[in-house]
Protein backbone atom coordinates (compact mmCIF):
# COMPACT_ATOMS: atom_id res chain seq x y z
CA MET A 1 70.20 86.35 47.67
CA LYS A 2 67.25 84.75 49.40
CA VAL A 3 69.58 82.21 51.00
CA LYS A 4 71.80 84.95 52.41
CA ILE A 5 68.83 86.77 53.93
CA LYS A 6 67.70 83.61 55.72
CA ILE A 7 71.16 83.02 57.12
CA ILE A 8 71.39 86.59 58.37
CA ILE A 9 68.03 86.33 60.10
CA ILE A 10 68.91 83.05 61.86
CA VAL A 11 72.30 84.30 62.96
CA GLY A 12 70.69 87.45 64.26
CA LEU A 13 68.23 85.50 66.39
CA LEU A 14 70.87 83.27 68.00
CA PRO A 15 71.96 85.78 70.69
CA ILE A 16 68.32 86.33 71.68
CA ILE A 17 67.58 82.58 71.86
CA LEU A 18 70.72 81.84 73.85
CA ASN A 19 69.99 84.70 76.22
CA CYS A 20 66.45 83.36 76.91
CA TRP A 21 67.77 79.84 77.39
CA ASP A 22 70.35 81.14 79.87
CA LYS A 23 67.61 82.88 81.89
CA GLN A 24 65.43 79.73 82.01
CA SER A 25 68.30 77.65 83.34
CA HIS A 26 68.81 80.02 86.26
CA ASP A 27 65.35 81.35 87.08
CA ILE A 28 62.43 78.84 87.11
CA THR A 29 59.17 80.26 88.47
CA ARG A 30 56.87 77.60 90.01
CA PRO A 31 53.17 78.23 89.48
CA PRO A 32 51.22 78.80 92.72
CA VAL A 33 49.40 75.79 94.22
CA PRO A 34 45.64 76.45 94.28
CA HIS A 35 44.26 76.70 97.81
CA TYR A 36 40.77 76.97 99.24
CA ILE A 37 38.79 77.12 102.50
CA PHE A 38 37.09 74.27 104.35
CA ASN A 39 34.64 75.40 107.00
CA GLY A 40 31.38 74.34 108.58
CA THR A 41 29.19 74.08 111.66
CA THR A 42 28.96 71.54 114.48
CA VAL A 43 25.39 70.75 115.55
CA GLY A 44 23.55 68.28 117.76
CA TYR A 45 22.66 65.15 115.80
CA ASN A 46 19.00 65.16 116.76
CA SER A 47 18.38 68.75 117.91
CA GLY A 48 20.21 70.53 115.09
CA GLU A 49 21.36 73.18 117.58
CA SER A 50 24.82 74.71 117.16
CA LEU A 51 27.47 73.30 119.51
CA GLU A 52 30.38 75.28 120.90
CA GLY A 53 33.74 73.87 121.97
CA ILE A 54 33.86 70.91 119.57
CA ILE A 55 37.43 70.19 118.42
CA VAL A 56 37.67 69.35 114.71
CA GLU A 57 40.88 67.74 113.45
CA LEU A 58 41.78 67.68 109.74
CA GLU A 59 44.49 65.33 108.44
CA ALA A 60 45.71 64.95 104.85
CA THR A 61 46.05 61.42 103.46
CA LYS A 62 46.89 62.14 99.78
CA MET A 63 47.57 65.49 98.14
CA LEU A 64 47.08 66.21 94.44
CA TYR A 65 49.98 68.64 94.43
CA ASP A 66 53.49 68.38 95.79
CA ILE A 67 52.82 70.16 99.07
CA GLN A 68 53.00 69.25 102.74
CA PHE A 69 49.86 69.70 104.85
CA SER A 70 50.37 69.32 108.59
CA THR A 71 47.47 67.99 110.68
CA GLN A 72 45.42 70.93 111.96
CA THR A 73 42.70 71.46 114.55
CA ASP A 74 40.09 74.13 115.14
CA THR A 75 37.50 74.57 117.88
CA SER A 76 33.93 75.56 117.10
CA ASP A 77 32.86 78.98 118.38
CA SER A 78 29.60 80.04 120.03
CA SER A 79 27.83 79.67 116.67
CA GLY A 80 29.29 76.20 116.13
CA HIS A 81 31.50 77.55 113.33
CA PHE A 82 34.96 76.16 112.48
CA SER A 83 37.33 76.89 109.59
CA PHE A 84 40.53 75.68 107.94
CA ASP A 85 42.35 78.11 105.62
CA PRO A 86 44.20 77.27 103.47
CA VAL A 87 43.48 73.72 102.36
CA TYR A 88 44.60 72.13 99.10
CA PRO A 89 43.01 69.72 96.63
CA GLY A 90 43.35 66.15 97.85
CA TYR A 91 42.02 63.52 100.21
CA TYR A 92 41.61 64.05 103.95
CA THR A 93 40.13 62.55 107.09
CA TRP A 94 38.45 64.54 109.80
CA LYS A 95 37.37 63.61 113.30
CA VAL A 96 35.86 65.47 116.23
CA LYS A 97 36.42 65.51 119.96
CA THR A 98 33.47 66.09 122.26
CA ASP A 99 33.32 65.78 126.05
CA GLY A 100 36.91 64.54 126.00
CA CYS A 101 36.18 61.68 123.57
CA TRP A 102 37.40 61.29 119.98
CA LEU A 103 34.81 60.03 117.51
CA ALA A 104 35.71 57.84 114.53
CA LYS A 105 37.46 59.34 111.50
CA GLN A 106 35.47 60.25 108.40
CA LYS A 107 36.84 60.55 104.86
CA MET A 108 36.44 63.57 102.61
CA GLU A 109 37.81 64.98 99.35
CA ILE A 110 38.62 68.63 98.71
CA THR A 111 38.39 69.56 95.03
CA HIS A 112 39.16 72.83 93.28
CA HIS A 113 36.73 75.02 95.20
CA ASP A 114 35.84 76.02 98.76
CA SER A 115 34.08 73.31 100.81
CA SER A 116 31.73 73.32 103.78
CA ALA A 117 30.12 70.72 106.01
CA ILE A 118 27.58 70.38 108.79
CA ILE A 119 29.05 67.96 111.34
CA GLN A 120 26.40 66.24 113.44
CA ILE A 121 27.47 65.35 116.98
CA PRO A 122 25.64 62.36 118.54
CA ARG A 123 25.00 61.77 122.22
CA LEU A 124 27.65 59.67 123.94
CA PHE A 125 26.77 56.20 125.26
CA TYR A 126 29.56 54.97 127.54
CA ALA A 127 30.37 51.26 127.58
CA ARG A 128 32.47 49.34 130.05
CA ASP A 129 34.28 46.12 129.25
CA PHE A 130 32.59 43.24 131.06
CA LYS A 131 35.14 40.59 130.20
CA SER A 132 37.16 39.17 127.33
CA LEU A 133 35.70 35.91 126.14
CA PRO A 134 37.29 33.06 124.16
CA GLY A 135 37.78 34.18 120.58
CA SER A 136 35.09 33.51 118.00
CA GLU A 137 34.49 34.73 114.48
CA HIS A 138 30.73 34.64 115.18
CA PRO A 139 30.10 36.08 118.67
CA ALA A 140 26.30 36.21 118.48
CA LEU A 141 24.52 37.32 121.68
CA ALA A 142 20.97 36.93 123.01
CA ILE A 143 19.58 38.07 126.38
CA TYR A 144 16.26 37.38 128.03
CA GLY A 145 15.76 38.78 131.53
CA SER A 146 18.76 37.60 133.55
CA THR A 147 19.89 34.90 131.08
CA ALA A 148 22.34 35.43 128.23
CA TRP A 149 23.55 33.13 125.46
CA CYS A 150 26.91 33.80 123.80
CA ASN A 151 28.35 31.86 120.89
CA GLU A 152 32.05 31.30 121.65
CA PHE A 153 34.91 29.23 120.33
CA TRP A 154 36.53 26.74 122.70
CA ILE A 155 39.63 24.61 122.13
CA ALA A 156 39.69 21.24 123.81
CA LYS A 157 42.52 20.43 126.19
CA GLU A 158 44.40 17.14 126.26
CA ASP A 159 42.09 15.66 128.89
CA THR A 160 38.84 16.50 127.08
CA PRO A 161 37.08 14.57 124.29
CA PRO A 162 38.06 15.73 120.78
CA PHE A 163 34.49 16.48 119.81
CA ILE A 164 34.38 19.31 122.34
CA THR A 165 36.64 21.43 120.11
CA SER A 166 33.83 23.50 118.67
CA ASP A 167 31.79 26.62 119.09
CA LEU A 168 30.06 26.57 122.45
CA VAL A 169 26.93 28.47 123.40
CA TRP A 170 27.74 29.66 126.89
CA VAL A 171 24.86 30.42 129.24
CA TYR A 172 25.38 33.36 131.61
CA LYS A 173 23.24 34.38 134.56
CA GLN A 174 22.97 37.93 135.83
CA SER A 175 23.05 38.91 139.50
CA ASN A 176 23.33 42.52 140.70
CA LYS A 177 23.95 43.58 137.09
CA THR A 178 26.98 41.26 136.82
CA TRP A 179 27.17 38.17 134.58
CA PHE A 180 28.42 34.74 135.71
CA ALA A 181 28.99 31.65 133.56
CA ASP A 182 26.36 29.05 134.44
CA ASN A 183 26.30 26.38 131.73
CA TYR A 184 27.19 25.68 128.11
CA TYR A 185 25.97 23.74 125.08
CA ILE A 186 27.82 22.48 122.02
CA SER A 187 26.81 25.02 119.42
CA PRO A 188 24.76 23.76 116.45
CA PHE A 189 26.31 26.59 114.41
CA TYR A 190 29.92 25.39 114.25
CA HIS A 191 31.33 26.19 110.77
CA ARG A 192 28.25 28.28 110.04
CA ASN A 193 28.23 32.05 109.65
CA LEU A 194 26.07 32.86 112.67
CA THR A 195 25.37 36.61 112.67
CA SER A 196 22.80 37.19 115.42
CA MET A 197 20.55 35.58 118.06
CA ALA A 198 17.43 36.70 119.95
CA PHE A 199 15.20 35.08 122.58
CA GLY A 200 11.57 34.58 121.69
CA ARG A 201 8.86 32.73 123.62
CA GLU A 202 10.58 29.51 124.76
CA VAL A 203 12.83 29.54 121.67
CA VAL A 204 15.90 31.32 120.36
CA TYR A 205 15.94 32.76 116.86
CA ALA A 206 19.30 32.60 115.08
CA CYS A 207 20.40 34.25 111.83
CA VAL A 208 22.92 32.40 109.68
CA ALA A 209 24.27 34.32 106.69
CA PRO A 210 23.28 34.88 104.10
CA ASP A 211 19.54 34.15 104.36
CA THR A 212 18.60 31.45 106.89
CA LEU A 213 16.62 31.82 110.12
CA TYR A 214 16.88 28.93 112.61
CA ILE A 215 14.65 28.10 115.57
CA VAL A 216 16.59 26.76 118.58
CA ASN A 217 15.16 24.92 121.60
CA VAL A 218 16.13 26.79 124.80
CA LEU A 219 16.17 23.57 126.85
CA ASP A 220 18.95 21.80 124.96
CA CYS A 221 20.15 24.24 122.24
CA GLN A 222 19.05 21.86 119.48
CA LEU A 223 17.68 23.06 116.16
CA SER A 224 13.91 22.72 115.89
CA GLY A 225 13.13 24.71 112.74
CA LYS A 226 14.67 26.31 109.68
CA TYR A 227 13.40 28.97 107.28
CA GLN A 228 15.05 30.03 104.04
CA LEU A 229 14.24 33.71 103.57
CA SER A 230 14.04 35.61 100.30
CA GLN A 231 16.48 38.30 101.47
CA ASN A 232 19.88 38.41 103.14
CA ILE A 233 19.78 39.03 106.89
CA THR A 234 22.37 40.34 109.35
CA GLY A 235 20.41 40.66 112.60
CA VAL A 236 17.33 39.44 114.45
CA ALA A 237 15.22 40.82 117.32
CA TYR A 238 11.99 39.84 119.05
CA HIS A 239 9.13 42.19 119.99
CA ALA A 240 7.45 40.49 122.96
CA SER A 241 4.22 42.54 123.15
CA GLN A 242 3.63 42.05 119.41
CA ASN A 243 4.91 38.46 119.51
CA CYS A 244 6.74 39.29 116.26
CA ILE A 245 10.18 38.57 114.82
CA TYR A 246 12.17 41.36 113.21
CA THR A 247 15.22 40.89 111.01
CA CYS A 248 17.48 43.33 109.22
CA SER A 249 19.51 43.26 106.05
CA LYS A 250 22.13 45.79 105.01
CA ASN A 251 19.58 48.52 104.24
CA ASN A 252 16.23 47.17 105.42
CA LEU A 253 14.27 46.20 108.53
CA PHE A 254 11.63 43.46 108.22
CA ARG A 255 8.72 42.40 110.40
CA HIS A 256 7.83 38.71 110.08
CA GLU A 257 4.90 36.52 111.00
CA THR A 258 5.78 34.55 114.13
CA GLU A 259 4.15 31.31 113.05
CA GLN A 260 5.48 31.55 109.51
CA PRO A 261 8.64 33.70 109.67
CA ILE A 262 9.16 33.30 105.94
CA ASN A 263 6.27 35.74 105.45
CA ILE A 264 7.10 39.45 105.74
CA VAL A 265 4.33 41.63 107.17
CA GLN A 266 6.05 45.01 106.92
CA SER A 267 9.40 46.50 105.90
CA TRP A 268 11.35 49.76 106.20
CA ASN A 269 14.20 50.97 104.01
CA PHE A 270 17.35 52.74 105.29
CA ASN A 271 19.44 53.48 102.19
CA ASP A 272 21.76 55.79 104.13
CA GLN A 273 22.72 53.08 106.66
CA THR A 274 24.55 49.76 106.78
CA LEU A 275 22.72 47.77 109.47
CA SER A 276 24.73 45.13 111.33
CA ALA A 277 22.63 44.57 114.47
CA ILE A 278 19.18 45.27 115.89
CA ALA A 279 17.64 45.02 119.36
CA TYR A 280 14.37 45.90 121.07
CA TYR A 281 13.78 47.59 124.42
CA LYS A 282 10.84 50.01 124.60
CA GLY A 283 11.59 50.79 120.98
CA PHE A 284 13.85 49.52 118.22
CA TYR A 285 17.58 50.12 118.11
CA THR A 286 19.86 49.63 115.10
CA PHE A 287 23.61 49.84 114.74
CA ASP A 288 24.88 51.49 111.57
CA ASN A 289 28.28 50.14 110.52
CA ASN A 290 28.63 52.98 108.04
CA SER A 291 28.57 55.85 110.56
CA TYR A 292 29.29 53.68 113.65
CA LEU A 293 26.18 55.01 115.35
CA LEU A 294 23.47 53.46 117.51
CA LYS A 295 20.00 54.75 116.61
CA LYS A 296 16.72 54.49 118.52
CA TYR A 297 13.36 54.71 116.70
CA ASP A 298 9.89 55.82 117.77
CA THR A 299 6.70 53.85 117.12
CA SER A 300 6.52 55.29 113.59
CA MET A 301 10.09 54.08 112.91
CA ASN A 302 11.46 57.62 112.78
CA ILE A 303 14.85 58.23 114.41
CA ASP A 304 14.31 59.40 117.99
CA SER A 305 17.88 59.45 119.36
CA THR A 306 21.38 58.85 118.01
CA PHE A 307 24.34 57.67 120.11
CA ALA A 308 28.06 57.06 119.68
CA LEU A 309 29.28 54.07 121.70
CA ILE A 310 32.33 55.13 123.72
CA ASP A 311 34.87 52.82 125.35
CA SER A 312 35.08 54.10 128.94
CA ASP A 313 38.77 53.15 129.22
CA SER A 314 40.19 54.52 125.96
CA GLN A 315 37.63 57.34 125.59
CA LYS A 316 37.32 56.47 121.90
CA GLN A 317 34.34 55.55 119.77
CA ILE A 318 33.57 51.86 119.31
CA ALA A 319 33.02 50.78 115.72
CA ASN A 320 31.67 47.68 113.99
CA ILE A 321 29.86 45.83 116.77
CA TYR A 322 28.79 42.27 116.00
CA ASP A 323 25.56 41.67 117.94
CA MET A 324 23.62 43.37 120.74
CA SER A 325 20.80 42.79 123.21
CA PHE A 326 19.17 44.45 126.25
CA ASP A 327 18.89 42.95 129.72
CA SER A 328 15.91 43.34 132.06
CA TYR A 329 17.43 46.52 133.54
CA GLY A 330 17.42 48.21 130.13
CA GLN A 331 21.20 48.00 129.82
CA LEU A 332 22.59 47.38 126.35
CA TRP A 333 25.18 44.61 125.96
CA PHE A 334 27.09 43.90 122.77
CA THR A 335 29.95 41.86 121.32
CA LEU A 336 32.76 42.99 119.06
CA PRO A 337 33.83 41.26 115.82
CA LEU A 338 37.31 40.31 117.01
CA LYS A 339 39.12 37.04 117.54
CA ASN A 340 39.13 37.84 121.24
CA TYR A 341 35.98 39.81 121.69
CA SER A 342 34.52 41.62 124.65
CA PHE A 343 31.13 41.50 126.30
CA HIS A 344 30.15 45.12 127.13
C-alpha cells in the first residue's frame, strides 16, 4: 500500500513539473545589471578653485557584466560639477579637455557602489618642436647659457671611418632663441644607459643607470671622474649659486657635496611621483612620469606650480620626457624617449 501511495504522488506531480519546465523554456527573465553613478568636480591643480567648461570623457575598457557602454562626455558646470549616470562595474579610462587640449588618459575602476573624484587641472605649458634629431635610446640633454649638449646616435656612411658609428655628443649654439649645430664629440657613453646630463662649473655631470655619476671635461668630452652612488639615479641638475649637484631617483631628490658627490647633504621624498628628469632655473623643476606633469618647487621644496606639457601642433599632452634643461632665456628644452626624438 505504501508503494502505491508513492506512485500516485509522483504521477500527480508530473503535470506540475512539466508545466514549470515548459514555462522556463519559453520565458527566461534576466536579472538586472547593477548600475551606479560616477561624478565629481574639476578644480585648478594649485588653486583648488572650481573650473567650469572642462570636458570629461569616460571610456570603458573592460566590463564585468555583458553590457555595452558607449564612450560618454560631460562638461563641468559653474560649480565644476560633472556626472555620468548610469555606469556599470568595470574598468574605464577618463581624460579631460581644457582650453582645446586633451590631457593624457587616466585609469579607474568602478566597483559595486557610486564613485566620485576630484579632477585637478594643471596649467598648460605649450611646447614647439625644434627639430627631429638622429635617433638615440639615450637622448640626454644639458644646456649652459647659449650652449647645449645632446647625446645622439649617428651611423657612419661609406666614406667615413668605421669607428665613427657611435653615439655622438652634438654641441649646439643658440642665436636669437634658435639652435644651430656647431660641433660634435664621440660620446664616451656609447653602450651605456645614459639618463641625464647637466653643466656644472667647467664640467658636465652625467648620470648612467643605475647608480653612476660621471664627470666630463667640457673641452674634449672625456671622462675625468666617476662616482658610484648608494642609490639609483635617473636625473641630474646643477644649482649654480649653491655650487651643488642634485640628483633624483624614482621617488627621491638628493643634494650632493660638489667636491665629493658621493656624499648626500640633504634629501626629499616624493612617494606619489615617479621622477624621470630634473632641472633648475630660479627654482627646481621635476617631471613626474606617473602623472605626466611638470612641477616647480619653492625654496622649501613645496610644490609652487604644476604644468601639463602640450604639443603645440597636435594640441595633446606630452608624456614620458627623457631629459630637460633651461637656457639663459628661461626657456625649457627637453628630449623625448623615442628612436627619433625631438628637441623642444
